[in-house]
Amino acid sequence: MRHPLRVTAALATLALLGGCSSISGLFDRSQTPVETARPTVVVPPPPVLTPRPPVAPAGTATPGVGPATALPAPAGDSRVVSVSPPPPPPAAPRDDAAVLPPSTARTVYFDFDSAALRDDARPAIEAHARALGADRTRRLVLEGHTDERGGREYNLSLGQKRAEAVQQALVRLGASDAQLEAVSFGKERPAAAGTGEEAWARNRRVELKDRR
């Protein structure tokens, strides 16, 4: 039979050894759980957006410049570029020779029973010839007239001769036959009514009229 005191001392010794083991375990770093390292995540800053200037719609006109023309944008750009057309070229200088001065006479007068051109008819004929030579699209009708004296057929023939005399003078000075038409009305269309030298002098004439 074991002694009770010895059993009690042995139990106390075992208890003390167990307690020390538990206390030393509290300070044992090998038993402490190790914290797992977390990966570092770098978040880039948000991009800075630069606003684009407003773009005019295709076909929109720029004030004071004229209608706009839409051009394709560069590759990778979905915008439509609007530009104004170049200014029109300057007008060609006007050929003053093709412009007939307003003061130019359009009536050539003749002496009694004559188809010969008088000296006072030269300025008007030369001015018309210059205008016809500078502008080949211009056309003239030359209307021959007489006074009331003489028969109808004779006056028609005399009026035609007067118109053709003016036509020939214009051609010699640069006009073409294709630009001119000579006709006669004889005494049928007097410019002045009445009888007498003043009225007759005004009726012996060739009128130069623009032909449309």
C-alpha atoms as a PDB file:
ATOM      1  CA  MET A   1       0.000   0.000   0.000  1.00  0.00           C
ATOM      2  CA  ARG A   2       1.344   3.361  -1.112  1.00  0.00           C
ATOM      3  CA  HIS A   3       1.753   6.186   1.258  1.00  0.00           C
ATOM      4  CA  PRO A   4      -0.858   8.860   0.837  1.00  0.00           C
ATOM      5  CA  LEU A   5       1.587  11.733   1.173  1.00  0.00           C
ATOM      6  CA  ARG A   6       3.812  10.377  -1.591  1.00  0.00           C
ATOM      7  CA  VAL A   7       0.870  10.040  -3.942  1.00  0.00           C
ATOM      8  CA  THR A   8      -0.203  13.526  -3.222  1.00  0.00           C
ATOM      9  CA  ALA A   9       3.308  14.935  -3.816  1.00  0.00           C
ATOM     10  CA  ALA A  10       3.597  13.091  -7.107  1.00  0.00           C
ATOM     11  CA  LEU A  11       0.308  14.469  -8.260  1.00  0.00           C
ATOM     12  CA  ALA A  12       1.369  17.959  -7.262  1.00  0.00           C
ATOM     13  CA  THR A  13       4.609  17.591  -9.172  1.00  0.00           C
ATOM     14  CA  LEU A  14       2.772  16.467 -12.299  1.00  0.00           C
ATOM     15  CA  ALA A  15       0.349  19.330 -11.983  1.00  0.00           C
ATOM     16  CA  LEU A  16       3.188  21.819 -11.660  1.00  0.00           C
ATOM     17  CA  LEU A  17       4.955  20.418 -14.705  1.00  0.00           C
ATOM     18  CA  GLY A  18       1.744  20.562 -16.755  1.00  0.00           C
ATOM     19  CA  GLY A  19       1.138  24.143 -15.741  1.00  0.00           C
ATOM     20  CA  CYS A  20       4.615  25.213 -16.766  1.00  0.00           C
ATOM     21  CA  SER A  21       4.171  23.551 -20.102  1.00  0.00           C
ATOM     22  CA  SER A  22       0.972  25.515 -20.640  1.00  0.00           C
ATOM     23  CA  ILE A  23       2.569  28.813 -19.579  1.00  0.00           C
ATOM     24  CA  SER A  24       5.651  28.297 -21.784  1.00  0.00           C
ATOM     25  CA  GLY A  25       3.300  27.596 -24.681  1.00  0.00           C
ATOM     26  CA  LEU A  26       1.890  31.050 -24.288  1.00  0.00           C
ATOM     27  CA  PHE A  27       5.325  32.532 -25.056  1.00  0.00           C
ATOM     28  CA  ASP A  28       6.288  30.098 -27.783  1.00  0.00           C
ATOM     29  CA  ARG A  29       6.310  32.195 -31.065  1.00  0.00           C
ATOM     30  CA  SER A  30       6.242  29.031 -33.131  1.00  0.00           C
ATOM     31  CA  GLN A  31       2.689  28.503 -31.948  1.00  0.00           C
ATOM     32  CA  THR A  32       1.564  32.062 -32.886  1.00  0.00           C
ATOM     33  CA  PRO A  33      -0.380  32.168 -36.174  1.00  0.00           C
ATOM     34  CA  VAL A  34       1.493  34.087 -38.939  1.00  0.00           C
ATOM     35  CA  GLU A  35      -0.435  36.803 -40.826  1.00  0.00           C
ATOM     36  CA  THR A  36      -0.585  36.134 -44.582  1.00  0.00           C
ATOM     37  CA  ALA A  37       0.864  38.967 -46.747  1.00  0.00           C
ATOM     38  CA  ARG A  38      -1.731  40.694 -49.014  1.00  0.00           C
ATOM     39  CA  PRO A  39      -0.843  41.753 -52.634  1.00  0.00           C
ATOM     40  CA  THR A  40      -0.598  45.510 -53.214  1.00  0.00           C
ATOM     41  CA  VAL A  41      -3.048  46.785 -55.869  1.00  0.00           C
ATOM     42  CA  VAL A  42      -2.152  50.073 -57.615  1.00  0.00           C
ATOM     43  CA  VAL A  43      -5.215  51.970 -58.896  1.00  0.00           C
ATOM     44  CA  PRO A  44      -4.336  54.365 -61.792  1.00  0.00           C
ATOM     45  CA  PRO A  45      -5.807  57.889 -61.626  1.00  0.00           C
ATOM     46  CA  PRO A  46      -8.838  58.586 -63.867  1.00  0.00           C
ATOM     47  CA  PRO A  47      -7.952  59.997 -67.321  1.00  0.00           C
ATOM     48  CA  VAL A  48      -8.344  63.732 -67.873  1.00  0.00           C
ATOM     49  CA  LEU A  49     -10.816  64.384 -70.693  1.00  0.00           C
ATOM     50  CA  THR A  50     -10.268  67.503 -72.802  1.00  0.00           C
ATOM     51  CA  PRO A  51     -13.538  68.766 -74.363  1.00  0.00           C
ATOM     52  CA  ARG A  52     -13.468  69.123 -78.129  1.00  0.00           C
ATOM     53  CA  PRO A  53     -14.569  72.395 -79.693  1.00  0.00           C
ATOM     54  CA  PRO A  54     -18.069  72.340 -81.235  1.00  0.00           C
ATOM     55  CA  VAL A  55     -18.123  71.253 -84.861  1.00  0.00           C
ATOM     56  CA  ALA A  56     -20.632  72.771 -87.259  1.00  0.00           C
ATOM     57  CA  PRO A  57     -22.918  70.231 -88.968  1.00  0.00           C
ATOM     58  CA  ALA A  58     -22.213  69.386 -92.566  1.00  0.00           C
ATOM     59  CA  GLY A  59     -23.541  71.994 -94.963  1.00  0.00           C
ATOM     60  CA  THR A  60     -23.749  74.722 -92.304  1.00  0.00           C
ATOM     61  CA  ALA A  61     -22.668  78.136 -93.574  1.00  0.00           C
ATOM     62  CA  THR A  62     -20.232  80.304 -91.633  1.00  0.00           C
ATOM     63  CA  PRO A  63     -21.716  83.803 -91.178  1.00  0.00           C
ATOM     64  CA  GLY A  64     -20.201  86.313 -93.579  1.00  0.00           C
ATOM     65  CA  VAL A  65     -18.166  83.689 -95.454  1.00  0.00           C
ATOM     66  CA  GLY A  66     -20.544  81.696 -97.612  1.00  0.00           C
ATOM     67  CA  PRO A  67     -21.899  78.139 -97.781  1.00  0.00           C
ATOM     68  CA  ALA A  68     -19.790  75.517 -96.033  1.00  0.00           C
ATOM     69  CA  THR A  69     -18.470  72.350 -97.621  1.00  0.00           C
ATOM     70  CA  ALA A  70     -18.213  69.151 -95.565  1.00  0.00           C
ATOM     71  CA  LEU A  71     -14.854  67.392 -95.762  1.00  0.00           C
ATOM     72  CA  PRO A  72     -13.988  63.914 -94.435  1.00  0.00           C
ATOM     73  CA  ALA A  73     -12.252  63.963 -91.046  1.00  0.00           C
ATOM     74  CA  PRO A  74      -8.792  62.400 -90.600  1.00  0.00           C
ATOM     75  CA  ALA A  75      -8.546  58.646 -90.087  1.00  0.00           C
ATOM     76  CA  GLY A  76      -9.792  57.580 -86.679  1.00  0.00           C
ATOM     77  CA  ASP A  77     -11.819  60.742 -86.153  1.00  0.00           C
ATOM     78  CA  SER A  78     -15.577  60.527 -86.563  1.00  0.00           C
ATOM     79  CA  ARG A  79     -16.084  64.294 -86.684  1.00  0.00           C
ATOM     80  CA  VAL A  80     -17.097  66.151 -89.846  1.00  0.00           C
ATOM     81  CA  VAL A  81     -14.879  69.103 -90.648  1.00  0.00           C
ATOM     82  CA  SER A  82     -16.719  72.097 -92.130  1.00  0.00           C
ATOM     83  CA  VAL A  83     -14.777  74.589 -94.209  1.00  0.00           C
ATOM     84  CA  SER A  84     -15.820  77.482 -96.432  1.00  0.00           C
ATOM     85  CA  PRO A  85     -15.250  77.391-100.212  1.00  0.00           C
ATOM     86  CA  PRO A  86     -12.526  79.611-101.671  1.00  0.00           C
ATOM     87  CA  PRO A  87     -13.614  83.048-102.887  1.00  0.00           C
ATOM     88  CA  PRO A  88     -14.643  83.277-106.552  1.00  0.00           C
ATOM     89  CA  PRO A  89     -11.989  84.416-109.018  1.00  0.00           C
ATOM     90  CA  PRO A  90     -12.017  88.100-109.910  1.00  0.00           C
ATOM     91  CA  ALA A  91     -14.164  89.077-112.854  1.00  0.00           C
ATOM     92  CA  ALA A  92     -12.436  89.406-116.185  1.00  0.00           C
ATOM     93  CA  PRO A  93     -11.741  92.983-117.183  1.00  0.00           C
ATOM     94  CA  ARG A  94     -14.445  94.466-119.383  1.00  0.00           C
ATOM     95  CA  ASP A  95     -13.610  95.151-122.983  1.00  0.00           C
ATOM     96  CA  ASP A  96     -14.689  98.756-123.429  1.00  0.00           C
ATOM     97  CA  ALA A  97     -14.602  98.323-127.194  1.00  0.00           C
ATOM     98  CA  ALA A  98     -17.577  95.949-126.919  1.00  0.00           C
ATOM     99  CA  VAL A  99     -19.656  98.556-125.086  1.00  0.00           C
ATOM    100  CA  LEU A 100     -21.460 100.987-127.331  1.00  0.00           C
ATOM    101  CA  PRO A 101     -21.520 104.484-125.773  1.00  0.00           C
ATOM    102  CA  PRO A 102     -25.101 105.595-125.059  1.00  0.00           C
ATOM    103  CA  SER A 103     -24.530 108.809-126.986  1.00  0.00           C
ATOM    104  CA  THR A 104     -23.696 106.958-130.200  1.00  0.00           C
ATOM    105  CA  ALA A 105     -26.110 107.841-132.958  1.00  0.00           C
ATOM    106  CA  ARG A 106     -28.241 105.027-134.305  1.00  0.00           C
ATOM    107  CA  THR A 107     -29.454 106.895-137.378  1.00  0.00           C
ATOM    108  CA  VAL A 108     -27.487 107.737-140.537  1.00  0.00           C
ATOM    109  CA  TYR A 109     -28.980 110.452-142.792  1.00  0.00           C
ATOM    110  CA  PHE A 110     -28.722 110.818-146.587  1.00  0.00           C
ATOM    111  CA  ASP A 111     -29.084 113.511-149.198  1.00  0.00           C
ATOM    112  CA  PHE A 112     -32.012 113.616-151.598  1.00  0.00           C
ATOM    113  CA  ASP A 113     -32.129 110.665-154.016  1.00  0.00           C
ATOM    114  CA  SER A 114     -28.684 109.452-152.841  1.00  0.00           C
ATOM    115  CA  ALA A 115     -27.275 106.342-151.192  1.00  0.00           C
ATOM    116  CA  ALA A 116     -23.802 107.835-150.606  1.00  0.00           C
ATOM    117  CA  LEU A 117     -22.612 108.108-147.005  1.00  0.00           C
ATOM    118  CA  ARG A 118     -22.047 111.644-145.752  1.00  0.00           C
ATOM    119  CA  ASP A 119     -19.130 112.745-143.608  1.00  0.00           C
ATOM    120  CA  ASP A 120     -21.353 113.332-140.588  1.00  0.00           C
ATOM    121  CA  ALA A 121     -22.191 109.583-140.566  1.00  0.00           C
ATOM    122  CA  ARG A 122     -18.567 108.506-139.965  1.00  0.00           C
ATOM    123  CA  PRO A 123     -18.460 108.739-136.092  1.00  0.00           C
ATOM    124  CA  ALA A 124     -21.572 106.605-135.632  1.00  0.00           C
ATOM    125  CA  ILE A 125     -20.492 103.976-138.164  1.00  0.00           C
ATOM    126  CA  GLU A 126     -17.008 103.696-136.625  1.00  0.00           C
ATOM    127  CA  ALA A 127     -18.425 103.289-133.093  1.00  0.00           C
ATOM    128  CA  HIS A 128     -20.797 100.526-134.194  1.00  0.00           C
ATOM    129  CA  ALA A 129     -18.021  98.785-136.123  1.00  0.00           C
ATOM    130  CA  ARG A 130     -15.772  98.699-133.031  1.00  0.00           C
ATOM    131  CA  ALA A 131     -18.553  97.244-130.890  1.00  0.00           C
ATOM    132  CA  LEU A 132     -19.377  94.596-133.499  1.00  0.00           C
ATOM    133  CA  GLY A 133     -15.723  93.637-133.919  1.00  0.00           C
ATOM    134  CA  ALA A 134     -15.185  93.277-130.161  1.00  0.00           C
ATOM    135  CA  ASP A 135     -18.371  91.279-129.551  1.00  0.00           C
ATOM    136  CA  ARG A 136     -19.147  88.781-132.279  1.00  0.00           C
ATOM    137  CA  THR A 137     -22.478  87.902-130.664  1.00  0.00           C
ATOM    138  CA  ARG A 138     -23.825  91.393-131.359  1.00  0.00           C
ATOM    139  CA  ARG A 139     -26.252  91.701-134.286  1.00  0.00           C
ATOM    140  CA  LEU A 140     -27.678  94.718-136.085  1.00  0.00           C
ATOM    141  CA  VAL A 141     -30.627  95.245-138.411  1.00  0.00           C
ATOM    142  CA  LEU A 142     -30.060  98.099-140.875  1.00  0.00           C
ATOM    143  CA  GLU A 143     -33.415  99.590-141.876  1.00  0.00           C
ATOM    144  CA  GLY A 144     -33.385 101.777-144.993  1.00  0.00           C
ATOM    145  CA  HIS A 145     -35.996 104.570-145.435  1.00  0.00           C
ATOM    146  CA  THR A 146     -36.848 107.347-147.917  1.00  0.00           C
ATOM    147  CA  ASP A 147     -39.010 110.407-147.978  1.00  0.00           C
ATOM    148  CA  GLU A 148     -42.487 110.414-149.517  1.00  0.00           C
ATOM    149  CA  ARG A 149     -41.499 111.559-152.974  1.00  0.00           C
ATOM    150  CA  GLY A 150     -41.305 108.996-155.757  1.00  0.00           C
ATOM    151  CA  GLY A 151     -43.002 105.685-156.401  1.00  0.00           C
ATOM    152  CA  ARG A 152     -43.218 102.810-153.955  1.00  0.00           C
ATOM    153  CA  GLU A 153     -40.960 100.402-155.846  1.00  0.00           C
ATOM    154  CA  TYR A 154     -38.349 103.054-156.521  1.00  0.00           C
ATOM    155  CA  ASN A 155     -38.215 104.051-152.865  1.00  0.00           C
ATOM    156  CA  LEU A 156     -37.955 100.420-151.718  1.00  0.00           C
ATOM    157  CA  SER A 157     -34.926 100.005-153.981  1.00  0.00           C
ATOM    158  CA  LEU A 158     -33.374 103.281-152.779  1.00  0.00           C
ATOM    159  CA  GLY A 159     -33.915 102.318-149.141  1.00  0.00           C
ATOM    160  CA  GLN A 160     -32.189  98.973-149.752  1.00  0.00           C
ATOM    161  CA  LYS A 161     -29.193 100.699-151.339  1.00  0.00           C
ATOM    162  CA  ARG A 162     -28.837 103.004-148.356  1.00  0.00           C
ATOM    163  CA  ALA A 163     -28.981 100.070-145.897  1.00  0.00           C
ATOM    164  CA  GLU A 164     -26.379  98.137-147.903  1.00  0.00           C
ATOM    165  CA  ALA A 165     -24.092 101.191-148.023  1.00  0.00           C
ATOM    166  CA  VAL A 166     -24.027 101.274-144.224  1.00  0.00           C
ATOM    167  CA  GLN A 167     -23.501  97.490-144.119  1.00  0.00           C
ATOM    168  CA  GLN A 168     -20.484  97.648-146.427  1.00  0.00           C
ATOM    169  CA  ALA A 169     -18.919 100.455-144.379  1.00  0.00           C
ATOM    170  CA  LEU A 170     -19.301  98.434-141.155  1.00  0.00           C
ATOM    171  CA  VAL A 171     -17.743  95.342-142.749  1.00  0.00           C
ATOM    172  CA  ARG A 172     -14.768  97.364-143.999  1.00  0.00           C
ATOM    173  CA  LEU A 173     -14.193  98.569-140.426  1.00  0.00           C
ATOM    174  CA  GLY A 174     -14.211  95.086-138.809  1.00  0.00           C
ATOM    175  CA  ALA A 175     -17.763  93.791-138.577  1.00  0.00           C
ATOM    176  CA  SER A 176     -18.874  90.611-140.326  1.00  0.00           C
ATOM    177  CA  ASP A 177     -21.733  90.104-142.781  1.00  0.00           C
ATOM    178  CA  ALA A 178     -23.220  87.489-140.430  1.00  0.00           C
ATOM    179  CA  GLN A 179     -23.756  90.211-137.826  1.00  0.00           C
ATOM    180  CA  LEU A 180     -25.694  92.498-140.163  1.00  0.00           C
ATOM    181  CA  GLU A 181     -29.041  92.391-141.929  1.00  0.00           C
ATOM    182  CA  ALA A 182     -30.016  95.104-144.462  1.00  0.00           C
ATOM    183  CA  VAL A 183     -33.732  95.663-145.147  1.00  0.00           C
ATOM    184  CA  SER A 184     -35.781  98.424-146.765  1.00  0.00           C
ATOM    185  CA  PHE A 185     -39.128  99.959-145.856  1.00  0.00           C
ATOM    186  CA  GLY A 186     -39.075 102.667-148.548  1.00  0.00           C
ATOM    187  CA  LYS A 187     -41.431 105.493-147.658  1.00  0.00           C
ATOM    188  CA  GLU A 188     -43.808 103.326-145.608  1.00  0.00           C
ATOM    189  CA  ARG A 189     -42.463 104.293-142.156  1.00  0.00           C
ATOM    190  CA  PRO A 190     -41.685 107.993-142.033  1.00  0.00           C
ATOM    191  CA  ALA A 191     -39.932 109.349-138.925  1.00  0.00           C
ATOM    192  CA  ALA A 192     -41.534 112.770-139.377  1.00  0.00           C
ATOM    193  CA  ALA A 193     -45.035 113.433-140.663  1.00  0.00           C
ATOM    194  CA  GLY A 194     -45.808 116.267-143.015  1.00  0.00           C
ATOM    195  CA  THR A 195     -44.546 117.732-146.260  1.00  0.00           C
ATOM    196  CA  GLY A 196     -41.473 119.907-146.603  1.00  0.00           C
ATOM    197  CA  GLU A 197     -37.707 119.780-146.591  1.00  0.00           C
ATOM    198  CA  GLU A 198     -37.415 119.470-142.802  1.00  0.00           C
ATOM    199  CA  ALA A 199     -39.635 116.376-142.685  1.00  0.00           C
ATOM    200  CA  TRP A 200     -38.090 114.901-145.830  1.00  0.00           C
ATOM    201  CA  ALA A 201     -34.539 115.288-144.451  1.00  0.00           C
ATOM    202  CA  ARG A 202     -35.499 113.352-141.324  1.00  0.00           C
ATOM    203  CA  ASN A 203     -37.065 110.545-143.354  1.00  0.00           C
ATOM    204  CA  ARG A 204     -34.048 109.908-145.641  1.00  0.00           C
ATOM    205  CA  ARG A 205     -32.228 107.618-143.243  1.00  0.00           C
ATOM    206  CA  VAL A 206     -30.911 104.214-142.162  1.00  0.00           C
ATOM    207  CA  GLU A 207     -31.684 103.127-138.604  1.00  0.00           C
ATOM    208  CA  LEU A 208     -29.262 100.733-136.837  1.00  0.00           C
ATOM    209  CA  LYS A 209     -31.213  98.505-134.440  1.00  0.00           C
ATOM    210  CA  ASP A 210     -30.066  95.634-132.242  1.00  0.00           C
ATOM    211  CA  ARG A 211     -31.293  92.259-133.466  1.00  0.00           C
ATOM    212  CA  ARG A 212     -32.383  89.745-130.795  1.00  0.00           C
END
